[in-house]
């Protein structure tokens, strides 16, 4: 049964959108229907810009404080999906997009999705030294190109890690 959900959605959604166009077109007219589609696309772009920058600020603030920004990253992805749904012509996709733009619904969906996935965060290009951001790591760093060092593997002691040898 699960394997039929995606194909039926892919086939059924365009048919439902067309039916929505016909019903709205009959109720308000063709010109008003086209204007509604155009306005929803403009609203999608505007909301993406406004809320997208807000999400980006929250992610940066979380990273700056050292807090895991995973929930904000998932929320940002949902904002992007909501904007795409508003930009795509169709009243059903617009309704789903508007629902995703509502912060309580987006947070709830983000928490649900985050509980079902693993989000890995990696290091950044900057370093924190005593609470302040620095572009240089604390301690001594030797920056070498690939042709400036060689690796010797000890065949005698296989449990020991390989040693790096600097050129003479």
N, C-alpha and C. Protein backbone atom coordinates (compact mmCIF):
# COMPACT_ATOMS: atom_id res chain seq x y z
N UNK A 1 0.81 -1.19 0.00
CA UNK A 1 0.00 0.00 0.00
C UNK A 1 0.85 1.26 0.00
N UNK A 2 1.97 1.25 0.76
CA UNK A 2 2.85 2.42 0.81
C UNK A 2 3.46 2.71 -0.55
N UNK A 3 3.71 1.69 -1.34
CA UNK A 3 4.35 1.90 -2.64
C UNK A 3 3.41 2.58 -3.63
N UNK A 4 2.11 2.57 -3.36
CA UNK A 4 1.16 3.22 -4.26
C UNK A 4 0.92 4.69 -3.94
N UNK A 5 1.33 5.15 -2.78
CA UNK A 5 1.05 6.52 -2.37
C UNK A 5 1.75 7.53 -3.27
N UNK A 6 3.01 7.34 -3.53
CA UNK A 6 3.77 8.30 -4.34
C UNK A 6 3.27 8.35 -5.78
N UNK A 7 3.11 7.20 -6.48
CA UNK A 7 2.59 7.30 -7.85
C UNK A 7 1.19 7.90 -7.93
N UNK A 8 0.32 7.55 -6.99
CA UNK A 8 -1.02 8.14 -7.00
C UNK A 8 -0.99 9.64 -6.74
N UNK A 9 -0.09 10.07 -5.89
CA UNK A 9 0.06 11.50 -5.63
C UNK A 9 0.59 12.22 -6.87
N UNK A 10 1.58 11.64 -7.51
CA UNK A 10 2.15 12.26 -8.72
C UNK A 10 1.11 12.35 -9.82
N UNK A 11 0.27 11.36 -9.96
CA UNK A 11 -0.78 11.40 -10.98
C UNK A 11 -2.01 12.20 -10.53
N UNK A 12 -2.35 12.09 -9.27
CA UNK A 12 -3.58 12.71 -8.80
C UNK A 12 -3.48 14.21 -8.53
N UNK A 13 -2.33 14.70 -8.09
CA UNK A 13 -2.20 16.11 -7.77
C UNK A 13 -2.41 17.02 -8.97
N UNK A 14 -1.80 16.75 -10.12
CA UNK A 14 -2.08 17.62 -11.28
C UNK A 14 -3.56 17.60 -11.68
N UNK A 15 -4.20 16.44 -11.60
CA UNK A 15 -5.62 16.37 -11.93
C UNK A 15 -6.45 17.18 -10.94
N UNK A 16 -6.10 17.13 -9.67
CA UNK A 16 -6.81 17.91 -8.66
C UNK A 16 -6.57 19.40 -8.85
N UNK A 17 -5.36 19.78 -9.23
CA UNK A 17 -5.06 21.19 -9.50
C UNK A 17 -5.87 21.70 -10.69
N UNK A 18 -5.96 20.91 -11.74
CA UNK A 18 -6.76 21.30 -12.92
C UNK A 18 -8.22 21.45 -12.53
N UNK A 19 -8.73 20.52 -11.74
CA UNK A 19 -10.12 20.62 -11.29
C UNK A 19 -10.31 21.88 -10.45
N UNK A 20 -9.33 22.22 -9.64
CA UNK A 20 -9.39 23.45 -8.84
C UNK A 20 -9.43 24.69 -9.72
N UNK A 21 -8.62 24.68 -10.78
CA UNK A 21 -8.64 25.82 -11.72
C UNK A 21 -10.02 25.97 -12.36
N UNK A 22 -10.59 24.86 -12.76
CA UNK A 22 -11.91 24.90 -13.40
C UNK A 22 -12.96 25.42 -12.43
N UNK A 23 -12.96 24.93 -11.21
CA UNK A 23 -13.96 25.35 -10.23
C UNK A 23 -13.80 26.84 -9.87
N UNK A 24 -12.58 27.27 -9.63
CA UNK A 24 -12.35 28.68 -9.30
C UNK A 24 -12.64 29.56 -10.51
N UNK A 25 -12.27 29.10 -11.70
CA UNK A 25 -12.53 29.86 -12.93
C UNK A 25 -14.02 30.06 -13.16
N UNK A 26 -14.81 29.04 -12.88
CA UNK A 26 -16.27 29.18 -13.01
C UNK A 26 -16.84 30.14 -11.99
N UNK A 27 -16.29 30.13 -10.78
CA UNK A 27 -16.83 30.97 -9.71
C UNK A 27 -16.45 32.44 -9.86
N UNK A 28 -15.20 32.73 -10.20
CA UNK A 28 -14.75 34.13 -10.23
C UNK A 28 -14.36 34.63 -11.60
N UNK A 29 -14.26 33.76 -12.59
CA UNK A 29 -13.88 34.17 -13.93
C UNK A 29 -12.42 33.86 -14.23
N UNK A 30 -12.10 33.87 -15.51
CA UNK A 30 -10.76 33.50 -15.95
C UNK A 30 -9.73 34.54 -15.53
N UNK A 31 -10.03 35.82 -15.73
CA UNK A 31 -9.07 36.88 -15.41
C UNK A 31 -8.74 36.88 -13.91
N UNK A 32 -9.74 36.75 -13.08
CA UNK A 32 -9.51 36.74 -11.63
C UNK A 32 -8.73 35.49 -11.21
N UNK A 33 -8.99 34.38 -11.87
CA UNK A 33 -8.25 33.15 -11.56
C UNK A 33 -6.77 33.32 -11.89
N UNK A 34 -6.48 33.87 -13.07
CA UNK A 34 -5.08 34.10 -13.46
C UNK A 34 -4.41 35.11 -12.52
N UNK A 35 -5.17 36.13 -12.10
CA UNK A 35 -4.62 37.10 -11.17
C UNK A 35 -4.30 36.45 -9.81
N UNK A 36 -5.17 35.57 -9.35
CA UNK A 36 -4.92 34.85 -8.09
C UNK A 36 -3.66 33.99 -8.19
N UNK A 37 -3.47 33.33 -9.32
CA UNK A 37 -2.27 32.49 -9.52
C UNK A 37 -1.02 33.36 -9.52
N UNK A 38 -1.09 34.51 -10.19
CA UNK A 38 0.05 35.42 -10.24
C UNK A 38 0.35 36.00 -8.85
N UNK A 39 -0.68 36.39 -8.12
CA UNK A 39 -0.49 36.92 -6.78
C UNK A 39 0.09 35.89 -5.82
N UNK A 40 -0.31 34.64 -5.96
CA UNK A 40 0.25 33.61 -5.08
C UNK A 40 1.73 33.39 -5.37
N UNK A 41 2.13 33.51 -6.64
CA UNK A 41 3.55 33.37 -6.98
C UNK A 41 4.35 34.53 -6.40
N UNK A 42 3.84 35.74 -6.52
CA UNK A 42 4.52 36.91 -5.95
C UNK A 42 4.60 36.79 -4.43
N UNK A 43 3.53 36.35 -3.81
CA UNK A 43 3.52 36.17 -2.35
C UNK A 43 4.55 35.11 -1.94
N UNK A 44 4.68 34.04 -2.73
CA UNK A 44 5.67 33.01 -2.42
C UNK A 44 7.09 33.55 -2.45
N UNK A 45 7.39 34.38 -3.45
CA UNK A 45 8.73 34.96 -3.54
C UNK A 45 8.97 35.92 -2.38
N UNK A 46 7.96 36.76 -2.05
CA UNK A 46 8.11 37.72 -0.95
C UNK A 46 8.26 37.00 0.39
N UNK A 47 7.45 35.99 0.64
CA UNK A 47 7.54 35.27 1.91
C UNK A 47 8.86 34.51 2.02
N UNK A 48 9.34 33.98 0.91
CA UNK A 48 10.64 33.29 0.93
C UNK A 48 11.73 34.27 1.33
N UNK A 49 11.67 35.46 0.78
CA UNK A 49 12.70 36.44 1.09
C UNK A 49 12.62 36.87 2.56
N UNK A 50 11.42 37.19 3.03
CA UNK A 50 11.26 37.67 4.41
C UNK A 50 11.57 36.57 5.43
N UNK A 51 10.88 35.45 5.31
CA UNK A 51 11.07 34.38 6.30
C UNK A 51 12.38 33.64 6.09
N UNK A 52 12.85 33.58 4.86
CA UNK A 52 14.12 32.91 4.60
C UNK A 52 15.28 33.60 5.29
N UNK A 53 15.29 34.94 5.24
CA UNK A 53 16.35 35.67 5.93
C UNK A 53 16.22 35.53 7.44
N UNK A 54 14.99 35.44 7.94
CA UNK A 54 14.78 35.23 9.37
C UNK A 54 15.33 33.89 9.82
N UNK A 55 15.08 32.87 9.04
CA UNK A 55 15.60 31.53 9.36
C UNK A 55 17.12 31.53 9.29
N UNK A 56 17.66 32.19 8.28
CA UNK A 56 19.12 32.26 8.13
C UNK A 56 19.75 32.95 9.34
N UNK A 57 19.14 34.04 9.82
CA UNK A 57 19.65 34.72 11.01
C UNK A 57 19.61 33.81 12.24
N UNK A 58 18.51 33.06 12.39
CA UNK A 58 18.41 32.16 13.54
C UNK A 58 19.45 31.04 13.48
N UNK A 59 19.71 30.53 12.29
CA UNK A 59 20.74 29.48 12.13
C UNK A 59 22.11 30.04 12.48
N UNK A 60 22.41 31.24 11.98
CA UNK A 60 23.71 31.86 12.28
C UNK A 60 23.85 32.15 13.78
N UNK A 61 22.79 32.63 14.40
CA UNK A 61 22.82 32.92 15.83
C UNK A 61 23.02 31.64 16.64
N UNK A 62 22.35 30.56 16.25
CA UNK A 62 22.53 29.28 16.94
C UNK A 62 23.95 28.78 16.80
N UNK A 63 24.50 28.89 15.59
CA UNK A 63 25.88 28.45 15.37
C UNK A 63 26.86 29.31 16.16
N UNK A 64 26.59 30.60 16.24
CA UNK A 64 27.46 31.51 16.97
C UNK A 64 27.45 31.18 18.47
N UNK A 65 26.29 30.79 18.99
CA UNK A 65 26.18 30.45 20.41
C UNK A 65 26.63 29.03 20.70
N UNK A 66 26.89 28.24 19.66
CA UNK A 66 27.30 26.86 19.85
C UNK A 66 26.15 25.91 20.07
N UNK A 67 24.92 26.36 19.75
CA UNK A 67 23.72 25.53 19.90
C UNK A 67 23.49 24.81 18.57
N UNK A 68 23.00 23.59 18.64
CA UNK A 68 22.72 22.82 17.43
C UNK A 68 21.58 23.50 16.64
N UNK A 69 21.85 23.93 15.40
CA UNK A 69 20.83 24.62 14.61
C UNK A 69 19.97 23.66 13.79
N UNK A 70 19.93 22.39 14.14
CA UNK A 70 19.23 21.39 13.34
C UNK A 70 17.77 21.70 13.11
N UNK A 71 17.06 22.12 14.15
CA UNK A 71 15.64 22.42 14.01
C UNK A 71 15.43 23.63 13.10
N UNK A 72 16.29 24.63 13.21
CA UNK A 72 16.19 25.79 12.33
C UNK A 72 16.53 25.45 10.89
N UNK A 73 17.45 24.53 10.69
CA UNK A 73 17.81 24.12 9.32
C UNK A 73 16.63 23.39 8.68
N UNK A 74 16.00 22.50 9.41
CA UNK A 74 14.83 21.80 8.89
C UNK A 74 13.70 22.80 8.63
N UNK A 75 13.53 23.76 9.54
CA UNK A 75 12.52 24.81 9.34
C UNK A 75 12.82 25.63 8.10
N UNK A 76 14.08 25.92 7.85
CA UNK A 76 14.46 26.65 6.65
C UNK A 76 14.16 25.87 5.38
N UNK A 77 14.37 24.58 5.42
CA UNK A 77 14.04 23.74 4.26
C UNK A 77 12.53 23.74 4.03
N UNK A 78 11.76 23.74 5.11
CA UNK A 78 10.30 23.77 4.98
C UNK A 78 9.82 25.12 4.44
N UNK A 79 10.49 26.21 4.81
CA UNK A 79 10.16 27.53 4.25
C UNK A 79 10.41 27.52 2.76
N UNK A 80 11.52 26.94 2.34
CA UNK A 80 11.83 26.86 0.91
C UNK A 80 10.78 26.04 0.17
N UNK A 81 10.40 24.91 0.74
CA UNK A 81 9.37 24.07 0.11
C UNK A 81 8.04 24.82 0.04
N UNK A 82 7.70 25.55 1.11
CA UNK A 82 6.45 26.32 1.12
C UNK A 82 6.47 27.38 0.03
N UNK A 83 7.59 28.05 -0.15
CA UNK A 83 7.69 29.08 -1.19
C UNK A 83 7.55 28.46 -2.58
N UNK A 84 8.17 27.32 -2.80
CA UNK A 84 8.06 26.64 -4.10
C UNK A 84 6.61 26.25 -4.35
N UNK A 85 5.92 25.76 -3.31
CA UNK A 85 4.52 25.39 -3.47
C UNK A 85 3.65 26.60 -3.80
N UNK A 86 3.98 27.77 -3.28
CA UNK A 86 3.23 28.97 -3.61
C UNK A 86 3.55 29.47 -5.02
N UNK A 87 4.77 29.28 -5.45
CA UNK A 87 5.19 29.75 -6.79
C UNK A 87 4.58 28.87 -7.87
N UNK A 88 4.48 27.57 -7.61
CA UNK A 88 3.89 26.64 -8.58
C UNK A 88 2.40 26.98 -8.73
N UNK A 89 1.91 27.11 -9.96
CA UNK A 89 0.48 27.41 -10.14
C UNK A 89 -0.41 26.28 -9.63
N UNK A 90 -1.41 26.64 -8.87
CA UNK A 90 -2.36 25.67 -8.36
C UNK A 90 -2.85 26.07 -6.99
N UNK A 91 -4.12 25.85 -6.74
CA UNK A 91 -4.71 26.28 -5.48
C UNK A 91 -4.48 25.28 -4.35
N UNK A 92 -4.36 24.02 -4.65
CA UNK A 92 -4.09 23.02 -3.62
C UNK A 92 -2.66 23.17 -3.11
N UNK A 93 -1.71 23.33 -4.03
CA UNK A 93 -0.32 23.54 -3.61
C UNK A 93 -0.18 24.86 -2.87
N UNK A 94 -0.97 25.88 -3.25
CA UNK A 94 -0.94 27.16 -2.52
C UNK A 94 -1.43 26.97 -1.09
N UNK A 95 -2.48 26.21 -0.90
CA UNK A 95 -3.01 25.99 0.45
C UNK A 95 -1.99 25.27 1.32
N UNK A 96 -1.32 24.27 0.78
CA UNK A 96 -0.29 23.55 1.53
C UNK A 96 0.89 24.47 1.82
N UNK A 97 1.27 25.29 0.83
CA UNK A 97 2.36 26.24 1.03
C UNK A 97 2.06 27.26 2.11
N UNK A 98 0.84 27.79 2.12
CA UNK A 98 0.46 28.75 3.16
C UNK A 98 0.49 28.10 4.53
N UNK A 99 0.02 26.87 4.62
CA UNK A 99 0.07 26.16 5.91
C UNK A 99 1.51 25.98 6.39
N UNK A 100 2.42 25.68 5.46
CA UNK A 100 3.82 25.50 5.85
C UNK A 100 4.48 26.81 6.28
N UNK A 101 3.97 27.93 5.81
CA UNK A 101 4.53 29.22 6.23
C UNK A 101 4.11 29.60 7.64
N UNK A 102 3.08 29.00 8.17
CA UNK A 102 2.64 29.30 9.54
C UNK A 102 3.63 28.70 10.53
N UNK A 103 4.25 29.53 11.38
CA UNK A 103 5.32 29.04 12.28
C UNK A 103 4.92 27.86 13.17
N UNK A 104 3.73 27.81 13.78
CA UNK A 104 3.44 26.64 14.64
C UNK A 104 3.37 25.34 13.85
N UNK A 105 2.80 25.39 12.67
CA UNK A 105 2.72 24.17 11.85
C UNK A 105 4.11 23.77 11.37
N UNK A 106 4.91 24.77 10.95
CA UNK A 106 6.26 24.49 10.47
C UNK A 106 7.12 23.91 11.58
N UNK A 107 7.02 24.47 12.81
CA UNK A 107 7.81 23.94 13.92
C UNK A 107 7.40 22.52 14.27
N UNK A 108 6.09 22.26 14.28
CA UNK A 108 5.63 20.91 14.59
C UNK A 108 6.09 19.90 13.56
N UNK A 109 5.99 20.27 12.29
CA UNK A 109 6.45 19.38 11.22
C UNK A 109 7.96 19.21 11.28
N UNK A 110 8.69 20.28 11.59
CA UNK A 110 10.15 20.19 11.69
C UNK A 110 10.55 19.26 12.83
N UNK A 111 9.85 19.36 13.96
CA UNK A 111 10.16 18.44 15.09
C UNK A 111 9.87 17.00 14.72
N UNK A 112 8.75 16.78 14.02
CA UNK A 112 8.40 15.43 13.59
C UNK A 112 9.47 14.89 12.63
N UNK A 113 9.86 15.72 11.64
CA UNK A 113 10.87 15.27 10.68
C UNK A 113 12.22 15.07 11.34
N UNK A 114 12.58 15.94 12.28
CA UNK A 114 13.87 15.81 12.95
C UNK A 114 13.93 14.54 13.79
N UNK A 115 12.78 14.11 14.34
CA UNK A 115 12.79 12.88 15.12
C UNK A 115 12.94 11.65 14.24
N UNK A 116 12.68 11.79 12.95
CA UNK A 116 12.77 10.66 12.03
C UNK A 116 14.03 10.66 11.20
N UNK A 117 14.90 11.65 11.38
CA UNK A 117 16.13 11.70 10.59
C UNK A 117 17.31 12.05 11.47
N UNK A 118 18.49 11.83 10.94
CA UNK A 118 19.72 12.16 11.63
C UNK A 118 20.35 13.33 10.91
N UNK A 119 20.62 14.39 11.65
CA UNK A 119 21.26 15.57 11.09
C UNK A 119 22.66 15.63 11.64
N UNK A 120 23.64 15.62 10.75
CA UNK A 120 25.03 15.70 11.15
C UNK A 120 25.53 17.11 10.94
N UNK A 121 26.20 17.66 11.93
CA UNK A 121 26.83 18.96 11.77
C UNK A 121 28.32 18.75 11.74
N UNK A 122 28.98 19.51 10.92
CA UNK A 122 30.43 19.39 10.79
C UNK A 122 31.08 20.66 11.28
N UNK A 123 32.40 20.64 11.34
CA UNK A 123 33.15 21.81 11.78
C UNK A 123 32.99 22.98 10.84
N UNK A 124 33.42 24.12 11.29
CA UNK A 124 33.32 25.34 10.50
C UNK A 124 34.70 25.83 10.12
N UNK A 125 34.76 26.89 9.35
CA UNK A 125 36.02 27.45 8.91
C UNK A 125 36.64 28.37 9.95
N UNK A 126 35.95 28.65 11.04
CA UNK A 126 36.49 29.52 12.07
C UNK A 126 36.59 28.74 13.37
N UNK A 127 37.29 29.31 14.29
CA UNK A 127 37.57 28.63 15.54
C UNK A 127 37.13 29.51 16.70
N UNK A 128 36.78 28.87 17.82
CA UNK A 128 36.41 29.61 19.02
C UNK A 128 37.54 29.49 20.03
N UNK A 129 38.04 30.62 20.46
CA UNK A 129 39.06 30.62 21.49
C UNK A 129 38.55 31.48 22.63
N UNK A 130 38.40 30.89 23.77
CA UNK A 130 37.90 31.54 25.00
C UNK A 130 36.64 32.35 24.74
N UNK A 131 35.72 31.76 23.98
CA UNK A 131 34.42 32.38 23.75
C UNK A 131 34.39 33.40 22.63
N UNK A 132 35.52 33.76 22.07
CA UNK A 132 35.55 34.75 20.98
C UNK A 132 35.85 34.05 19.67
N UNK A 133 35.27 34.56 18.61
CA UNK A 133 35.51 33.98 17.30
C UNK A 133 36.85 34.44 16.77
N UNK A 134 37.58 33.51 16.22
CA UNK A 134 38.90 33.82 15.67
C UNK A 134 39.03 33.12 14.33
N UNK A 135 39.75 33.74 13.42
CA UNK A 135 40.00 33.10 12.13
C UNK A 135 41.21 32.19 12.18
N UNK A 136 41.94 32.21 13.28
CA UNK A 136 43.11 31.37 13.44
C UNK A 136 42.88 30.42 14.60
N UNK A 137 43.24 29.16 14.44
CA UNK A 137 43.08 28.22 15.54
C UNK A 137 44.08 28.51 16.65
N UNK A 138 43.70 28.11 17.87
CA UNK A 138 44.65 28.25 18.96
C UNK A 138 45.64 27.11 18.88
N UNK A 139 46.88 27.39 19.22
CA UNK A 139 47.90 26.36 19.13
C UNK A 139 48.71 26.51 17.86
N UNK A 140 49.64 25.62 17.65
CA UNK A 140 50.54 25.68 16.51
C UNK A 140 49.96 24.89 15.35
N UNK A 141 49.91 25.52 14.19
CA UNK A 141 49.39 24.87 13.00
C UNK A 141 50.47 24.89 11.94
N UNK A 142 50.71 23.74 11.34
CA UNK A 142 51.64 23.65 10.22
C UNK A 142 50.82 23.32 8.99
N UNK A 143 50.81 24.24 8.06
CA UNK A 143 50.01 24.09 6.85
C UNK A 143 50.92 23.59 5.73
N UNK A 144 50.69 22.37 5.27
CA UNK A 144 51.52 21.76 4.24
C UNK A 144 50.69 21.42 3.01
N UNK A 145 51.32 21.51 1.88
CA UNK A 145 50.70 21.03 0.64
C UNK A 145 50.93 19.53 0.56
N UNK A 146 50.24 18.86 -0.36
CA UNK A 146 50.34 17.40 -0.44
C UNK A 146 51.73 16.94 -0.86
N UNK A 147 52.48 17.76 -1.57
CA UNK A 147 53.82 17.33 -2.00
C UNK A 147 54.90 17.69 -0.97
N UNK A 148 54.51 18.30 0.14
CA UNK A 148 55.47 18.72 1.14
C UNK A 148 55.59 17.75 2.32
N UNK A 149 54.89 16.63 2.28
CA UNK A 149 55.03 15.65 3.34
C UNK A 149 54.89 14.26 2.74
N UNK A 150 55.36 13.28 3.51
CA UNK A 150 55.20 11.89 3.08
C UNK A 150 54.80 11.08 4.29
N UNK A 151 54.25 9.92 4.03
CA UNK A 151 53.75 9.07 5.10
C UNK A 151 54.53 7.77 5.07
N UNK A 152 55.05 7.38 6.24
CA UNK A 152 55.77 6.11 6.37
C UNK A 152 54.89 5.17 7.17
N UNK A 153 54.54 4.03 6.60
CA UNK A 153 53.79 3.02 7.33
C UNK A 153 54.77 2.02 7.89
N UNK A 154 54.73 1.84 9.21
CA UNK A 154 55.60 0.86 9.86
C UNK A 154 55.03 -0.52 9.65
N UNK A 155 55.75 -1.36 8.94
CA UNK A 155 55.31 -2.73 8.74
C UNK A 155 55.55 -3.58 9.99
N UNK A 156 56.50 -3.14 10.82
CA UNK A 156 56.84 -3.93 11.99
C UNK A 156 55.74 -3.85 13.05
N UNK A 157 55.22 -2.67 13.27
CA UNK A 157 54.21 -2.49 14.31
C UNK A 157 52.93 -2.02 13.65
N UNK A 158 52.04 -2.92 13.31
CA UNK A 158 50.84 -2.60 12.56
C UNK A 158 49.80 -1.89 13.41
N UNK A 159 49.86 -2.00 14.73
CA UNK A 159 48.87 -1.35 15.58
C UNK A 159 49.17 0.12 15.76
N UNK A 160 50.42 0.54 15.53
CA UNK A 160 50.78 1.94 15.69
C UNK A 160 50.26 2.75 14.52
N UNK A 161 49.83 3.99 14.77
CA UNK A 161 49.35 4.81 13.66
C UNK A 161 50.49 5.23 12.77
N UNK A 162 50.22 5.49 11.47
CA UNK A 162 51.29 5.90 10.59
C UNK A 162 51.87 7.24 11.06
N UNK A 163 53.17 7.40 10.87
CA UNK A 163 53.81 8.63 11.29
C UNK A 163 54.04 9.53 10.08
N UNK A 164 53.89 10.79 10.28
CA UNK A 164 54.14 11.76 9.21
C UNK A 164 55.57 12.27 9.36
N UNK A 165 56.22 12.38 8.24
CA UNK A 165 57.62 12.81 8.27
C UNK A 165 57.72 14.05 7.41
N UNK A 166 58.30 15.10 7.98
CA UNK A 166 58.52 16.31 7.21
C UNK A 166 59.75 16.15 6.35
N UNK A 167 59.75 16.75 5.15
CA UNK A 167 60.94 16.64 4.30
C UNK A 167 62.12 17.39 4.89
N UNK A 168 63.30 16.90 4.63
CA UNK A 168 64.53 17.55 5.15
C UNK A 168 64.85 18.81 4.41
